[in-house]
Protein backbone atom coordinates (compact mmCIF):
# COMPACT_ATOMS: atom_id res chain seq x y z
CA MET A 1 -145.46 14.14 31.42
CA SER A 2 -148.94 15.56 31.47
CA ARG A 3 -151.12 14.81 28.46
CA LYS A 4 -151.81 18.49 27.90
CA TYR A 5 -148.09 19.08 27.25
CA LYS A 6 -147.70 17.01 24.09
CA PHE A 7 -147.71 17.74 20.38
CA HIS A 8 -151.07 16.18 19.48
CA ASN A 9 -151.59 17.92 16.12
CA LYS A 10 -148.35 17.34 14.23
CA SER A 11 -149.18 20.04 11.67
CA GLY A 12 -150.28 22.62 14.23
CA ILE A 13 -148.72 25.93 15.18
CA TYR A 14 -147.25 25.76 18.68
CA PHE A 15 -146.11 28.06 21.44
CA VAL A 16 -143.20 26.58 23.38
CA SER A 17 -140.95 27.78 26.16
CA PHE A 18 -137.89 25.99 27.39
CA ALA A 19 -135.21 26.94 29.88
CA THR A 20 -131.64 26.11 30.72
CA VAL A 21 -131.09 23.72 33.61
CA TYR A 22 -131.49 25.46 36.97
CA TRP A 23 -132.66 28.53 35.02
CA LEU A 24 -129.01 29.52 34.57
CA ASP A 25 -128.49 32.90 32.90
CA VAL A 26 -126.30 31.64 30.08
CA PHE A 27 -127.32 33.93 27.23
CA ILE A 28 -125.57 37.07 28.41
CA ARG A 29 -122.82 37.26 25.79
CA GLN A 30 -123.13 37.87 22.06
CA ILE A 31 -121.34 34.63 21.22
CA TYR A 32 -124.03 32.60 22.99
CA PHE A 33 -126.90 34.41 21.31
CA ASP A 34 -125.12 33.69 18.01
CA VAL A 35 -125.40 29.96 18.75
CA LEU A 36 -129.17 30.29 19.13
CA VAL A 37 -129.45 32.28 15.90
CA GLU A 38 -127.30 29.72 14.06
CA SER A 39 -129.46 26.90 15.43
CA VAL A 40 -132.72 28.53 14.36
CA ASN A 41 -131.35 29.28 10.90
CA TYR A 42 -130.21 25.67 10.58
CA CYS A 43 -133.64 24.37 11.60
CA ARG A 44 -135.39 26.73 9.22
CA THR A 45 -133.17 25.63 6.32
CA ASN A 46 -132.72 21.92 7.07
CA LYS A 47 -135.48 20.82 9.46
CA ASN A 48 -138.56 22.46 7.89
CA MET A 49 -139.13 24.91 10.72
CA GLU A 50 -141.49 27.80 10.25
CA LEU A 51 -140.76 30.41 12.90
CA PHE A 52 -143.48 32.99 13.52
CA CYS A 53 -142.36 34.59 16.76
CA TYR A 54 -139.41 34.27 19.16
CA CYS A 55 -137.64 35.76 22.12
CA PHE A 56 -134.28 34.74 23.56
CA MET A 57 -133.94 35.59 27.24
CA PRO A 58 -130.87 35.04 29.46
CA SER A 59 -132.16 31.71 30.77
CA HIS A 60 -134.91 30.65 28.39
CA VAL A 61 -136.37 30.73 24.89
CA HIS A 62 -139.89 31.29 23.55
CA PHE A 63 -141.02 30.22 20.08
CA ILE A 64 -144.17 30.15 18.04
CA PHE A 65 -143.41 27.68 15.31
CA ARG A 66 -144.65 24.92 13.06
CA SER A 67 -142.92 21.90 11.57
CA LYS A 68 -143.63 21.78 7.83
CA SER A 69 -142.68 18.08 7.94
CA ASN A 70 -145.20 17.42 10.74
CA GLN A 71 -142.49 16.54 13.26
CA PRO A 72 -142.62 19.28 15.91
CA MET A 73 -141.28 17.10 18.73
CA GLU A 74 -138.35 15.89 16.63
CA LEU A 75 -137.62 19.42 15.42
CA LEU A 76 -137.43 20.76 18.96
CA ARG A 77 -135.38 17.74 20.06
CA ASP A 78 -132.86 18.39 17.28
CA PHE A 79 -132.73 22.11 18.06
CA LYS A 80 -132.02 21.42 21.73
CA LYS A 81 -129.50 18.67 20.95
CA PHE A 82 -127.56 20.88 18.53
CA THR A 83 -127.57 23.91 20.83
CA THR A 84 -126.50 21.79 23.81
CA LYS A 85 -123.45 20.46 21.99
CA LYS A 86 -122.54 23.83 20.49
CA MET A 87 -123.10 25.78 23.73
CA ILE A 88 -120.97 23.41 25.81
CA GLN A 89 -118.19 23.67 23.23
CA THR A 90 -118.51 27.46 22.96
CA ILE A 91 -118.45 27.96 26.73
CA ALA A 92 -115.50 25.58 27.14
CA GLU A 93 -113.51 27.38 24.43
CA ASN A 94 -114.44 30.95 25.37
CA PRO A 95 -111.38 32.57 26.97
CA LYS A 96 -113.53 35.52 28.11
CA GLU A 97 -115.99 33.34 30.05
CA SER A 98 -115.28 34.00 33.72
CA ARG A 99 -117.95 31.46 34.73
CA ARG A 100 -116.67 28.65 32.50
CA GLU A 101 -115.75 26.08 35.17
CA TRP A 102 -118.89 26.79 37.20
CA LEU A 103 -121.23 26.60 34.18
CA LEU A 104 -119.68 23.37 32.93
CA TRP A 105 -119.88 21.93 36.45
CA MET A 106 -123.57 22.86 36.66
CA PHE A 107 -124.32 21.27 33.26
CA GLU A 108 -122.39 18.15 34.28
CA ARG A 109 -124.23 18.04 37.60
CA ALA A 110 -127.57 18.21 35.76
CA GLY A 111 -126.39 15.44 33.42
CA LYS A 112 -125.57 13.18 36.37
CA GLU A 113 -129.05 13.71 37.83
CA LYS A 114 -130.61 12.15 34.73
CA THR A 115 -130.10 8.63 33.53
CA ASN A 116 -129.99 9.45 29.82
CA GLY A 117 -126.25 8.77 29.60
CA ASN A 118 -125.25 12.28 28.56
CA ARG A 119 -122.34 13.89 30.36
CA TYR A 120 -123.93 17.33 30.20
CA GLN A 121 -127.49 18.55 30.28
CA PHE A 122 -127.99 22.10 29.06
CA TRP A 123 -131.78 22.40 28.64
CA GLN A 124 -134.56 21.32 30.95
CA HIS A 125 -136.45 18.43 29.37
CA HIS A 126 -139.93 19.92 29.14
CA ASN A 127 -141.14 22.35 26.48
CA HIS A 128 -144.80 22.80 27.47
CA PRO A 129 -146.14 22.95 23.90
CA LEU A 130 -149.45 24.72 23.53
CA GLU A 131 -151.22 24.47 20.20
CA LEU A 132 -152.45 27.85 18.99
CA TRP A 133 -155.85 27.13 17.50
CA SER A 134 -157.18 30.66 17.04
CA GLU A 135 -155.96 34.10 16.04
CA LYS A 136 -156.98 35.45 19.45
CA ILE A 137 -154.85 32.90 21.33
CA MET A 138 -151.98 33.44 18.91
CA ARG A 139 -152.05 37.19 19.48
CA GLN A 140 -152.07 36.62 23.26
CA LYS A 141 -148.95 34.44 23.03
CA ILE A 142 -147.20 36.87 20.67
CA ASN A 143 -147.85 39.70 23.14
CA TYR A 144 -146.65 37.53 26.02
CA ILE A 145 -143.44 36.65 24.18
CA HIS A 146 -142.72 40.23 23.11
CA LYS A 147 -143.44 41.66 26.56
CA ASN A 148 -141.19 39.14 28.33
CA PRO A 149 -138.08 41.40 28.28
CA VAL A 150 -140.21 44.34 29.48
CA VAL A 151 -141.73 42.38 32.37
CA SER A 152 -138.23 41.18 33.29
CA GLY A 153 -137.06 44.79 33.47
CA PHE A 154 -134.50 44.63 30.68
CA VAL A 155 -136.16 47.16 28.38
CA ILE A 156 -139.05 49.60 28.39
CA ASP A 157 -140.31 48.85 24.88
CA PRO A 158 -140.41 45.30 23.39
CA THR A 159 -138.71 46.48 20.19
CA ASP A 160 -135.66 47.51 22.22
CA TRP A 161 -134.81 43.86 23.00
CA LYS A 162 -132.42 42.75 20.26
CA TYR A 163 -133.32 39.06 20.38
CA SER A 164 -137.06 39.23 19.87
CA SER A 165 -139.33 39.12 16.87
CA ALA A 166 -140.94 42.33 18.15
CA LYS A 167 -138.35 43.99 15.90
CA ASN A 168 -139.48 41.86 12.95
CA PHE A 169 -143.07 42.94 13.47
CA GLN A 170 -141.78 46.50 12.97
CA GLY A 171 -139.95 45.55 9.75
CA ASN A 172 -136.47 44.99 11.23
CA LYS A 173 -135.03 41.61 10.19
CA THR A 174 -131.45 42.16 11.34
CA VAL A 175 -131.21 39.23 13.78
CA LEU A 176 -133.52 36.49 12.48
CA GLU A 177 -136.03 36.22 9.73
CA ILE A 178 -139.48 35.02 10.66
CA ASP A 179 -142.25 33.53 8.59
CA ASP A 180 -145.47 35.37 7.83
CA ILE A 181 -148.05 34.45 10.42
CA GLY A 182 -150.83 35.56 8.12
CA PHE A 183 -152.68 38.23 10.07
CA PHE A 184 -150.10 40.93 10.77
CA SER A 185 -149.07 43.22 7.98
């Protein structure tokens, strides 16, 4: 892994993006988005996660976060581990999932390509953490995250995407709560 893609400052605020294996569009049903929301809430309550910005897309996730316990790598590892287990279970048990066998086969295929001993691999291994050291850079990443559904053609306005903190920045906390980043009112 490249040196520039590591958590060097354990107390820093980071922008991360991570995707499902093969960029599979998994998050297309409410039940799967619920797993992500549950995972974030768990990490905020039990793993000292401060979440400042997020966006859940069909095949990937964006966060701006900090670990209050100075363990950003471990926090992300635990988030991905929990969501992997829960997503595999949810897909396997979802009677409405027409792609169940194919998705499970793809996750199993990805698991066999790696030598980590896991039967399934849900997430790609890299996160590409980027420490946000200035307000200017932080605003750039927030705009990038919030515009992701617009650029992808899903919505015209960032606040129309249900699973994005763009709604939070407008005072709507119906999906997830976020922490105060300090410079937006």
